Amino acid sequence: MEPLASMTEDRKTSDLLAKCRNGDRDAIRDLYVEHQRRVYSIALNFFGGDADRAADVTQQVFLKLVVKMDFRGEAAVTTWLYRLTVNACIDETRRSRRFLNFDEWMGLKAASESDAVDTIEDGELARCVQKAVAKLKLKYRLPVILRYVEGLSYREISKVLGCSEGTVASRLNRGHAKLAGLLTNLRDRA
């Protein structure tokens, strides 16, 4: 059973979408204000803290949302919005793969292990974790972001990703293990 606050939020968003379909500019602005942080947060964590890519994806999501208005009511509005955001992040990743990262091509490392320690000492632990999450395979990254950044339940994640709750639990478990491996240098220094 969904919490009352979530149902109220979905009802409010459904009303805003209906007004947007009728060309109400204030409703479009309100819809953006209501959900921009959530969309940006998912994108920011998906791209390992890359604010420019997160901002681009946020714009893409709201442009698509306003232009297409294809919400069919088969799921909660917020679930639909999460799905739009996840798809936009995946699409952006595909588009960016067409361009070669020169540092990666030349075999240059972005940061050494000692740089990671310096980063922690500078109070940027969250940035290290974001980068580690961004290195996870997509099937592990998305559940981790939706669970720990957005605070979604396993049930909500399963609806967004279109898989069972058991699959969500399994992917989170594997994601935790992979993150632990990526972040061993942090644990050793703590």
C-alpha atoms as a PDB file:
ATOM      1  CA  MET A   1       0.000   0.000   0.000  1.00  0.00           C
ATOM      2  CA  GLU A   2       1.360   3.408  -0.968  1.00  0.00           C
ATOM      3  CA  PRO A   3       1.849   6.046   1.712  1.00  0.00           C
ATOM      4  CA  LEU A   4      -0.781   8.786   1.822  1.00  0.00           C
ATOM      5  CA  ALA A   5       1.803  11.510   1.085  1.00  0.00           C
ATOM      6  CA  SER A   6       2.871   9.690  -2.087  1.00  0.00           C
ATOM      7  CA  MET A   7      -0.726   9.313  -3.271  1.00  0.00           C
ATOM      8  CA  THR A   8      -1.403  13.004  -2.577  1.00  0.00           C
ATOM      9  CA  GLU A   9       1.748  14.000  -4.461  1.00  0.00           C
ATOM     10  CA  ASP A  10       0.729  11.826  -7.423  1.00  0.00           C
ATOM     11  CA  ARG A  11      -2.763  13.334  -7.430  1.00  0.00           C
ATOM     12  CA  LYS A  12      -1.278  16.843  -7.388  1.00  0.00           C
ATOM     13  CA  THR A  13       1.093  15.948 -10.230  1.00  0.00           C
ATOM     14  CA  SER A  14      -1.748  14.343 -12.226  1.00  0.00           C
ATOM     15  CA  ASP A  15      -3.730  17.570 -11.871  1.00  0.00           C
ATOM     16  CA  LEU A  16      -0.710  19.584 -13.026  1.00  0.00           C
ATOM     17  CA  LEU A  17      -0.273  17.298 -16.045  1.00  0.00           C
ATOM     18  CA  ALA A  18      -3.921  17.765 -16.993  1.00  0.00           C
ATOM     19  CA  LYS A  19      -3.483  21.545 -16.839  1.00  0.00           C
ATOM     20  CA  CYS A  20      -0.250  21.297 -18.854  1.00  0.00           C
ATOM     21  CA  ARG A  21      -2.096  19.400 -21.592  1.00  0.00           C
ATOM     22  CA  ASN A  22      -4.420  22.397 -21.835  1.00  0.00           C
ATOM     23  CA  GLY A  23      -1.456  24.761 -22.299  1.00  0.00           C
ATOM     24  CA  ASP A  24      -1.402  26.258 -18.790  1.00  0.00           C
ATOM     25  CA  ARG A  25       2.076  27.829 -18.507  1.00  0.00           C
ATOM     26  CA  ASP A  26       1.816  28.207 -14.722  1.00  0.00           C
ATOM     27  CA  ALA A  27       1.131  24.471 -14.427  1.00  0.00           C
ATOM     28  CA  ILE A  28       4.207  23.717 -16.549  1.00  0.00           C
ATOM     29  CA  ARG A  29       6.333  25.891 -14.260  1.00  0.00           C
ATOM     30  CA  ASP A  30       4.787  24.309 -11.143  1.00  0.00           C
ATOM     31  CA  LEU A  31       5.423  20.823 -12.500  1.00  0.00           C
ATOM     32  CA  TYR A  32       9.061  21.719 -13.102  1.00  0.00           C
ATOM     33  CA  VAL A  33       9.473  23.299  -9.654  1.00  0.00           C
ATOM     34  CA  GLU A  34       7.814  20.288  -8.000  1.00  0.00           C
ATOM     35  CA  HIS A  35      10.003  17.622  -9.616  1.00  0.00           C
ATOM     36  CA  GLN A  36      13.193  19.260 -10.920  1.00  0.00           C
ATOM     37  CA  ARG A  37      15.283  18.401  -7.850  1.00  0.00           C
ATOM     38  CA  ARG A  38      14.322  14.742  -8.027  1.00  0.00           C
ATOM     39  CA  VAL A  39      15.147  14.415 -11.740  1.00  0.00           C
ATOM     40  CA  TYR A  40      18.419  16.353 -11.395  1.00  0.00           C
ATOM     41  CA  SER A  41      19.463  14.294  -8.364  1.00  0.00           C
ATOM     42  CA  ILE A  42      19.006  10.993 -10.195  1.00  0.00           C
ATOM     43  CA  ALA A  43      20.906  12.275 -13.228  1.00  0.00           C
ATOM     44  CA  LEU A  44      23.688  13.801 -11.106  1.00  0.00           C
ATOM     45  CA  ASN A  45      24.282  10.518  -9.322  1.00  0.00           C
ATOM     46  CA  PHE A  46      23.918   8.503 -12.512  1.00  0.00           C
ATOM     47  CA  PHE A  47      26.717  10.534 -14.133  1.00  0.00           C
ATOM     48  CA  GLY A  48      29.012  10.471 -11.109  1.00  0.00           C
ATOM     49  CA  GLY A  49      28.559  14.103 -10.137  1.00  0.00           C
ATOM     50  CA  ASP A  50      28.783  15.579 -13.662  1.00  0.00           C
ATOM     51  CA  ALA A  51      26.544  18.628 -13.147  1.00  0.00           C
ATOM     52  CA  ASP A  52      26.519  19.619 -16.830  1.00  0.00           C
ATOM     53  CA  ARG A  53      25.266  16.239 -18.013  1.00  0.00           C
ATOM     54  CA  ALA A  54      22.737  16.117 -15.167  1.00  0.00           C
ATOM     55  CA  ALA A  55      21.407  19.559 -16.119  1.00  0.00           C
ATOM     56  CA  ASP A  56      21.163  18.521 -19.781  1.00  0.00           C
ATOM     57  CA  VAL A  57      19.227  15.378 -18.907  1.00  0.00           C
ATOM     58  CA  THR A  58      16.939  17.332 -16.576  1.00  0.00           C
ATOM     59  CA  GLN A  59      16.091  19.688 -19.436  1.00  0.00           C
ATOM     60  CA  GLN A  60      15.533  16.761 -21.782  1.00  0.00           C
ATOM     61  CA  VAL A  61      13.169  15.062 -19.334  1.00  0.00           C
ATOM     62  CA  PHE A  62      11.009  18.131 -18.812  1.00  0.00           C
ATOM     63  CA  LEU A  63      11.009  19.024 -22.487  1.00  0.00           C
ATOM     64  CA  LYS A  64       9.860  15.504 -23.332  1.00  0.00           C
ATOM     65  CA  LEU A  65       7.354  15.574 -20.505  1.00  0.00           C
ATOM     66  CA  VAL A  66       5.785  18.839 -21.699  1.00  0.00           C
ATOM     67  CA  VAL A  67       5.943  18.130 -25.442  1.00  0.00           C
ATOM     68  CA  LYS A  68       4.752  14.523 -25.427  1.00  0.00           C
ATOM     69  CA  MET A  69       2.531  14.365 -22.339  1.00  0.00           C
ATOM     70  CA  ASP A  70       2.283  10.593 -22.765  1.00  0.00           C
ATOM     71  CA  PHE A  71       1.395   9.649 -19.191  1.00  0.00           C
ATOM     72  CA  ARG A  72      -1.207   6.877 -19.495  1.00  0.00           C
ATOM     73  CA  GLY A  73      -1.987   6.382 -15.817  1.00  0.00           C
ATOM     74  CA  GLU A  74      -0.756   2.768 -15.761  1.00  0.00           C
ATOM     75  CA  ALA A  75       1.612   3.566 -12.881  1.00  0.00           C
ATOM     76  CA  ALA A  76       2.012   6.315 -10.326  1.00  0.00           C
ATOM     77  CA  VAL A  77       3.049   9.640 -11.832  1.00  0.00           C
ATOM     78  CA  THR A  78       6.300   9.671  -9.866  1.00  0.00           C
ATOM     79  CA  THR A  79       7.103   6.148 -11.088  1.00  0.00           C
ATOM     80  CA  TRP A  80       6.534   7.350 -14.664  1.00  0.00           C
ATOM     81  CA  LEU A  81       8.770  10.377 -14.028  1.00  0.00           C
ATOM     82  CA  TYR A  82      11.528   8.154 -12.606  1.00  0.00           C
ATOM     83  CA  ARG A  83      11.265   5.946 -15.699  1.00  0.00           C
ATOM     84  CA  LEU A  84      11.527   8.984 -18.007  1.00  0.00           C
ATOM     85  CA  THR A  85      14.619  10.101 -16.104  1.00  0.00           C
ATOM     86  CA  VAL A  86      16.269   6.670 -16.171  1.00  0.00           C
ATOM     87  CA  ASN A  87      15.599   6.377 -19.921  1.00  0.00           C
ATOM     88  CA  ALA A  88      17.005   9.874 -20.552  1.00  0.00           C
ATOM     89  CA  CYS A  89      20.174   8.978 -18.621  1.00  0.00           C
ATOM     90  CA  ILE A  90      20.588   5.773 -20.624  1.00  0.00           C
ATOM     91  CA  ASP A  91      19.994   7.648 -23.901  1.00  0.00           C
ATOM     92  CA  GLU A  92      22.559  10.296 -22.932  1.00  0.00           C
ATOM     93  CA  THR A  93      25.072   7.550 -22.138  1.00  0.00           C
ATOM     94  CA  ARG A  94      24.502   5.986 -25.554  1.00  0.00           C
ATOM     95  CA  ARG A  95      24.915   9.344 -27.288  1.00  0.00           C
ATOM     96  CA  SER A  96      28.132  10.108 -25.420  1.00  0.00           C
ATOM     97  CA  ARG A  97      29.636   6.731 -26.327  1.00  0.00           C
ATOM     98  CA  ARG A  98      29.897   7.971 -29.884  1.00  0.00           C
ATOM     99  CA  PHE A  99      32.650  10.299 -28.705  1.00  0.00           C
ATOM    100  CA  LEU A 100      35.983   8.933 -27.586  1.00  0.00           C
ATOM    101  CA  ASN A 101      37.358  10.049 -24.230  1.00  0.00           C
ATOM    102  CA  PHE A 102      40.938  11.067 -25.029  1.00  0.00           C
ATOM    103  CA  ASP A 103      42.273  10.315 -21.525  1.00  0.00           C
ATOM    104  CA  GLU A 104      40.820   6.808 -21.616  1.00  0.00           C
ATOM    105  CA  TRP A 105      42.101   6.239 -25.162  1.00  0.00           C
ATOM    106  CA  MET A 106      45.597   7.316 -24.131  1.00  0.00           C
ATOM    107  CA  GLY A 107      45.431   5.055 -21.064  1.00  0.00           C
ATOM    108  CA  LEU A 108      45.671   7.940 -18.626  1.00  0.00           C
ATOM    109  CA  LYS A 109      44.065   7.532 -15.217  1.00  0.00           C
ATOM    110  CA  ALA A 110      41.748  10.284 -14.058  1.00  0.00           C
ATOM    111  CA  ALA A 111      42.915  10.004 -10.448  1.00  0.00           C
ATOM    112  CA  SER A 112      45.310   7.842  -8.476  1.00  0.00           C
ATOM    113  CA  GLU A 113      44.562   6.143  -5.191  1.00  0.00           C
ATOM    114  CA  SER A 114      46.482   8.842  -3.321  1.00  0.00           C
ATOM    115  CA  ASP A 115      44.339  11.471  -5.079  1.00  0.00           C
ATOM    116  CA  ALA A 116      41.265   9.694  -3.696  1.00  0.00           C
ATOM    117  CA  VAL A 117      42.694   9.946  -0.180  1.00  0.00           C
ATOM    118  CA  ASP A 118      43.399  13.664  -0.699  1.00  0.00           C
ATOM    119  CA  THR A 119      39.832  14.082  -1.892  1.00  0.00           C
ATOM    120  CA  ILE A 120      38.510  12.489   1.283  1.00  0.00           C
ATOM    121  CA  GLU A 121      40.738  14.663   3.416  1.00  0.00           C
ATOM    122  CA  ASP A 122      39.302  17.684   1.623  1.00  0.00           C
ATOM    123  CA  GLY A 123      35.825  16.632   2.721  1.00  0.00           C
ATOM    124  CA  GLU A 124      34.666  15.305  -0.650  1.00  0.00           C
ATOM    125  CA  LEU A 125      33.814  11.753   0.331  1.00  0.00           C
ATOM    126  CA  ALA A 126      30.428  12.014  -1.378  1.00  0.00           C
ATOM    127  CA  ARG A 127      32.128  12.808  -4.667  1.00  0.00           C
ATOM    128  CA  CYS A 128      34.251   9.646  -4.419  1.00  0.00           C
ATOM    129  CA  VAL A 129      31.164   7.565  -3.771  1.00  0.00           C
ATOM    130  CA  GLN A 130      29.329   9.219  -6.698  1.00  0.00           C
ATOM    131  CA  LYS A 131      32.196   8.355  -9.007  1.00  0.00           C
ATOM    132  CA  ALA A 132      32.242   4.766  -7.768  1.00  0.00           C
ATOM    133  CA  VAL A 133      28.497   4.461  -8.298  1.00  0.00           C
ATOM    134  CA  ALA A 134      28.926   5.844 -11.827  1.00  0.00           C
ATOM    135  CA  LYS A 135      31.392   3.015 -12.561  1.00  0.00           C
ATOM    136  CA  LEU A 136      28.826   0.338 -11.743  1.00  0.00           C
ATOM    137  CA  LYS A 137      27.131  -1.490 -14.586  1.00  0.00           C
ATOM    138  CA  LEU A 138      23.779   0.072 -15.407  1.00  0.00           C
ATOM    139  CA  LYS A 139      21.756  -2.803 -13.944  1.00  0.00           C
ATOM    140  CA  TYR A 140      23.414  -2.222 -10.548  1.00  0.00           C
ATOM    141  CA  ARG A 141      23.766   1.553 -10.721  1.00  0.00           C
ATOM    142  CA  LEU A 142      20.071   2.302 -11.215  1.00  0.00           C
ATOM    143  CA  PRO A 143      18.778   0.349  -8.197  1.00  0.00           C
ATOM    144  CA  VAL A 144      21.519   1.847  -5.990  1.00  0.00           C
ATOM    145  CA  ILE A 145      20.613   5.396  -7.038  1.00  0.00           C
ATOM    146  CA  LEU A 146      16.861   4.858  -6.717  1.00  0.00           C
ATOM    147  CA  ARG A 147      17.244   3.215  -3.307  1.00  0.00           C
ATOM    148  CA  TYR A 148      19.889   5.345  -1.611  1.00  0.00           C
ATOM    149  CA  VAL A 149      19.561   8.695  -3.325  1.00  0.00           C
ATOM    150  CA  GLU A 150      15.818   8.769  -3.920  1.00  0.00           C
ATOM    151  CA  GLY A 151      14.810   6.537  -1.015  1.00  0.00           C
ATOM    152  CA  LEU A 152      12.462   4.345  -3.043  1.00  0.00           C
ATOM    153  CA  SER A 153      11.241   1.044  -1.679  1.00  0.00           C
ATOM    154  CA  TYR A 154      12.041  -2.244  -3.405  1.00  0.00           C
ATOM    155  CA  ARG A 155       8.472  -2.302  -4.726  1.00  0.00           C
ATOM    156  CA  GLU A 156       8.777   1.202  -6.188  1.00  0.00           C
ATOM    157  CA  ILE A 157      12.139   0.380  -7.759  1.00  0.00           C
ATOM    158  CA  SER A 158      10.703  -2.777  -9.306  1.00  0.00           C
ATOM    159  CA  LYS A 159       7.937  -0.697 -10.922  1.00  0.00           C
ATOM    160  CA  VAL A 160      10.384   1.892 -12.265  1.00  0.00           C
ATOM    161  CA  LEU A 161      12.775  -0.696 -13.670  1.00  0.00           C
ATOM    162  CA  GLY A 162      10.124  -3.205 -14.756  1.00  0.00           C
ATOM    163  CA  CYS A 163      11.519  -6.163 -12.833  1.00  0.00           C
ATOM    164  CA  SER A 164      10.606  -8.183  -9.733  1.00  0.00           C
ATOM    165  CA  GLU A 165      11.382  -7.116  -6.172  1.00  0.00           C
ATOM    166  CA  GLY A 166      13.651 -10.157  -5.910  1.00  0.00           C
ATOM    167  CA  THR A 167      15.646  -8.916  -8.895  1.00  0.00           C
ATOM    168  CA  VAL A 168      15.921  -5.494  -7.251  1.00  0.00           C
ATOM    169  CA  ALA A 169      17.210  -7.105  -4.038  1.00  0.00           C
ATOM    170  CA  SER A 170      19.708  -9.222  -5.981  1.00  0.00           C
ATOM    171  CA  ARG A 171      20.989  -6.252  -7.997  1.00  0.00           C
ATOM    172  CA  LEU A 172      21.322  -4.129  -4.870  1.00  0.00           C
ATOM    173  CA  ASN A 173      23.260  -6.915  -3.163  1.00  0.00           C
ATOM    174  CA  ARG A 174      25.610  -7.253  -6.142  1.00  0.00           C
ATOM    175  CA  GLY A 175      25.867  -3.468  -6.402  1.00  0.00           C
ATOM    176  CA  HIS A 176      26.896  -3.292  -2.728  1.00  0.00           C
ATOM    177  CA  ALA A 177      29.594  -5.910  -3.304  1.00  0.00           C
ATOM    178  CA  LYS A 178      30.961  -4.109  -6.359  1.00  0.00           C
ATOM    179  CA  LEU A 179      30.920  -0.755  -4.553  1.00  0.00           C
ATOM    180  CA  ALA A 180      32.783  -2.309  -1.643  1.00  0.00           C
ATOM    181  CA  GLY A 181      35.472  -3.398  -4.093  1.00  0.00           C
ATOM    182  CA  LEU A 182      35.645   0.022  -5.734  1.00  0.00           C
ATOM    183  CA  LEU A 183      35.815   1.798  -2.390  1.00  0.00           C
ATOM    184  CA  THR A 184      38.325  -0.455  -0.592  1.00  0.00           C
ATOM    185  CA  ASN A 185      40.886   2.336  -0.580  1.00  0.00           C
ATOM    186  CA  LEU A 186      38.455   4.440   1.472  1.00  0.00           C
ATOM    187  CA  ARG A 187      37.837   1.676   4.006  1.00  0.00           C
ATOM    188  CA  ASP A 188      41.563   0.997   4.422  1.00  0.00           C
ATOM    189  CA  ARG A 189      42.226   4.681   5.140  1.00  0.00           C
ATOM    190  CA  ALA A 190      39.372   5.153   7.604  1.00  0.00           C
END
